[in-house]
Amino acid sequence: MAVADTVFLFPMKLKINGEEKEFAERLNLTALLEQLQIRPARVVVERNCNIVARDAYGTTLLAEGDTLEIVHFVGGG
């Protein structure tokens, strides 16, 4: 069984924009943004002090204790 197919019995804790949140399952970055109802095209994500390339969101598996900063683009004039 691959790690991605493993069912985790304990919630995964992530720190997102300074706030600790729990998730029932292990997620990749795309799935996390979907759960948070955030459109990937409008944000930049930093994971543990490293910017994640948008084309890597689907393959970036999040782990217990990860710290994420999600920065939204805001238009205006």
C-alpha atoms as a PDB file:
ATOM      1  CA  MET A   1       0.000   0.000   0.000  1.00  0.00           C
ATOM      2  CA  ALA A   2       1.371   3.394  -0.976  1.00  0.00           C
ATOM      3  CA  VAL A   3       1.632   6.191   1.581  1.00  0.00           C
ATOM      4  CA  ALA A   4      -0.927   8.234  -0.362  1.00  0.00           C
ATOM      5  CA  ASP A   5      -3.433   5.352   0.062  1.00  0.00           C
ATOM      6  CA  THR A   6      -2.877   5.085   3.815  1.00  0.00           C
ATOM      7  CA  VAL A   7      -5.748   6.038   6.083  1.00  0.00           C
ATOM      8  CA  PHE A   8      -4.564   8.105   9.032  1.00  0.00           C
ATOM      9  CA  LEU A   9      -6.401   7.614  12.308  1.00  0.00           C
ATOM     10  CA  PHE A  10      -5.336  10.904  13.856  1.00  0.00           C
ATOM     11  CA  PRO A  11      -6.084  14.367  12.527  1.00  0.00           C
ATOM     12  CA  MET A  12      -3.265  16.196  10.779  1.00  0.00           C
ATOM     13  CA  LYS A  13      -2.479  19.621  12.241  1.00  0.00           C
ATOM     14  CA  LEU A  14      -1.315  22.419   9.986  1.00  0.00           C
ATOM     15  CA  LYS A  15      -0.589  26.053  10.771  1.00  0.00           C
ATOM     16  CA  ILE A  16      -2.209  28.215   8.091  1.00  0.00           C
ATOM     17  CA  ASN A  17      -1.558  31.955   8.146  1.00  0.00           C
ATOM     18  CA  GLY A  18      -0.727  31.715  11.842  1.00  0.00           C
ATOM     19  CA  GLU A  19      -3.813  29.690  12.796  1.00  0.00           C
ATOM     20  CA  GLU A  20      -3.649  25.993  13.701  1.00  0.00           C
ATOM     21  CA  LYS A  21      -6.189  23.841  11.863  1.00  0.00           C
ATOM     22  CA  GLU A  22      -6.908  20.108  11.921  1.00  0.00           C
ATOM     23  CA  PHE A  23      -7.726  17.937   8.929  1.00  0.00           C
ATOM     24  CA  ALA A  24      -9.096  14.393   9.067  1.00  0.00           C
ATOM     25  CA  GLU A  25      -6.899  13.144   6.257  1.00  0.00           C
ATOM     26  CA  ARG A  26      -3.555  13.708   4.622  1.00  0.00           C
ATOM     27  CA  LEU A  27      -3.882  16.218   1.801  1.00  0.00           C
ATOM     28  CA  ASN A  28      -1.924  17.586  -1.082  1.00  0.00           C
ATOM     29  CA  LEU A  29      -1.879  21.329  -1.548  1.00  0.00           C
ATOM     30  CA  THR A  30      -4.564  21.301  -4.256  1.00  0.00           C
ATOM     31  CA  ALA A  31      -6.983  19.370  -2.002  1.00  0.00           C
ATOM     32  CA  LEU A  32      -6.287  21.733   0.897  1.00  0.00           C
ATOM     33  CA  LEU A  33      -7.072  24.799  -1.212  1.00  0.00           C
ATOM     34  CA  GLU A  34     -10.298  23.119  -2.397  1.00  0.00           C
ATOM     35  CA  GLN A  35     -11.339  22.425   1.211  1.00  0.00           C
ATOM     36  CA  LEU A  36     -10.627  26.039   2.108  1.00  0.00           C
ATOM     37  CA  GLN A  37     -12.567  27.182  -0.999  1.00  0.00           C
ATOM     38  CA  ILE A  38      -9.551  29.046  -2.356  1.00  0.00           C
ATOM     39  CA  ARG A  39      -8.883  29.248  -6.100  1.00  0.00           C
ATOM     40  CA  PRO A  40      -5.245  28.255  -6.737  1.00  0.00           C
ATOM     41  CA  ALA A  41      -4.817  30.776  -9.553  1.00  0.00           C
ATOM     42  CA  ARG A  42      -5.310  33.654  -7.119  1.00  0.00           C
ATOM     43  CA  VAL A  43      -2.793  32.733  -4.432  1.00  0.00           C
ATOM     44  CA  VAL A  44       0.843  32.067  -3.711  1.00  0.00           C
ATOM     45  CA  VAL A  45       1.572  29.394  -1.109  1.00  0.00           C
ATOM     46  CA  GLU A  46       4.635  29.247   1.096  1.00  0.00           C
ATOM     47  CA  ARG A  47       5.246  25.918   2.868  1.00  0.00           C
ATOM     48  CA  ASN A  48       7.787  25.863   5.681  1.00  0.00           C
ATOM     49  CA  CYS A  49       9.421  29.070   4.389  1.00  0.00           C
ATOM     50  CA  ASN A  50       9.617  27.846   0.760  1.00  0.00           C
ATOM     51  CA  ILE A  51       7.361  29.063  -2.050  1.00  0.00           C
ATOM     52  CA  VAL A  52       5.594  26.170  -3.777  1.00  0.00           C
ATOM     53  CA  ALA A  53       5.354  26.373  -7.564  1.00  0.00           C
ATOM     54  CA  ARG A  54       1.717  26.370  -8.668  1.00  0.00           C
ATOM     55  CA  ASP A  55       2.306  23.389 -10.982  1.00  0.00           C
ATOM     56  CA  ALA A  56       3.521  21.394  -7.943  1.00  0.00           C
ATOM     57  CA  TYR A  57       0.382  21.904  -5.807  1.00  0.00           C
ATOM     58  CA  GLY A  58      -1.076  18.511  -6.796  1.00  0.00           C
ATOM     59  CA  THR A  59       2.092  16.610  -5.923  1.00  0.00           C
ATOM     60  CA  THR A  60       2.957  18.492  -2.733  1.00  0.00           C
ATOM     61  CA  LEU A  61       1.812  16.262   0.129  1.00  0.00           C
ATOM     62  CA  LEU A  62       1.310  18.117   3.371  1.00  0.00           C
ATOM     63  CA  ALA A  63       2.626  16.679   6.630  1.00  0.00           C
ATOM     64  CA  GLU A  64       1.798  17.033  10.304  1.00  0.00           C
ATOM     65  CA  GLY A  65       3.142  20.337  11.599  1.00  0.00           C
ATOM     66  CA  ASP A  66       3.632  22.057   8.238  1.00  0.00           C
ATOM     67  CA  THR A  67       3.413  25.845   8.350  1.00  0.00           C
ATOM     68  CA  LEU A  68       1.673  27.460   5.405  1.00  0.00           C
ATOM     69  CA  GLU A  69       1.259  31.072   4.396  1.00  0.00           C
ATOM     70  CA  ILE A  70      -1.403  31.600   1.742  1.00  0.00           C
ATOM     71  CA  VAL A  71      -1.207  35.024   0.121  1.00  0.00           C
ATOM     72  CA  HIS A  72      -4.161  36.222  -1.969  1.00  0.00           C
ATOM     73  CA  PHE A  73      -3.756  38.501  -4.968  1.00  0.00           C
ATOM     74  CA  VAL A  74      -5.982  41.539  -4.740  1.00  0.00           C
ATOM     75  CA  GLY A  75      -6.789  43.642  -7.768  1.00  0.00           C
ATOM     76  CA  GLY A  76      -7.788  47.228  -7.682  1.00  0.00           C
ATOM     77  CA  GLY A  77      -7.088  50.590  -9.043  1.00  0.00           C
END
